[in-house]
Amino acid sequence: MSTDTASSASFNLKRYKARQRANAIGLTLSMGAMVLGLFVLLWILSVLFRNGFAALDWSMFTESTPAPGSEGGGLANAIVGSLMMVAVTVLVSTPVGILAGIYLAEYGDRSKTAELTRFVTDIMLSAPSIVLGLFVYAIAVATVGKFSGWAGSLALSLIAIPVVVRTTEVPGSLREAAFALGAPRWKVALMVTLRAARSGVLTGLLLAVARISGETAPLLFTALNNQFFSLDMGAPMANLPVVIFQFAMSPYDNWIRLAWGGALLITLSVLLLNIVARVFLRDKSPK
């Protein structure tokens, strides 16, 4: 009996040491991957900040994009165009996303339409943005015969809506408690579901704006670009992502400098939105 006990203890010790070695290898590989990722990220950010801050000046915010080969110029028209299209996107995606999220929260467990809506939302979340851009090009650009800021906002809305929808759904236990108290469905949707999802909706909206701020492919097929300052959403409109894409590949030093400055503006904006969403709008209720 003692021999069996000793053999079993030796076997368990070998298994324990094998698990320790596997754990050490896993931790080492994980730490190595994390260090590599942080190194690449810091490298990219250091190059971006060095070149981007060198390009920042007052003319970048007051002058429009320059003509090829000319000196000076800025990104005022691209900044204003991006802000206008993002603002329209927020106005479109917020009510649509919230209403769809409330519908999924109320009828998601027993409705075929809700199941289809959730399935389509998942597809839109994972769909490449260039596919959505081509879709909007086919229905809103090719049929009309011209690029426009409205088409760009529509393409960005298709990217932002699924994010808002997913952050509007709330746990069913809250609604069940309200129903148990005799509250009608419309009051549950407005007073319980929407209030419980308020923080999530704001967070999802900010994250959606952060995502669409740097989208280039959809705007190449919809809003295109405009060298001049324009507030006409029915015409091609300048925007930062497309300007950066075009200027970065140009042979002109002035354009490349402006591309670095525009990339820094988008990066700082996305960073600020993520900080606001994760720090100030996170769920602070006790777990």
Foldseek 3Di string as FASTA:
>chain_A
DVVVVVVVVVVVVVVVVVVVVVVVVVVVVVVVVVVVVVVVVVVVVVVLCVLQVVLDDPQQQVFFDDDPPDDGGHNNQQAVLLVVLLVLLCVPQLVLLLVLLLCCQVCVPPDPVSVVVVVVLVCLQPDDLLVLLVVLLVVPPVVVPAAFSVSLSVSLNSNLNSLLSVLQHDDPVQLVVVVVVPDDPVCCSVVPSRVVSVLSNLLSNLLSSLVSLQDDNSCCSHLNADRDRDPGRGHRGHHLNNQLVVLCPDPDPNSVSNSSNSVVVSVVSSVVSNCCSPPVSDDPDDD
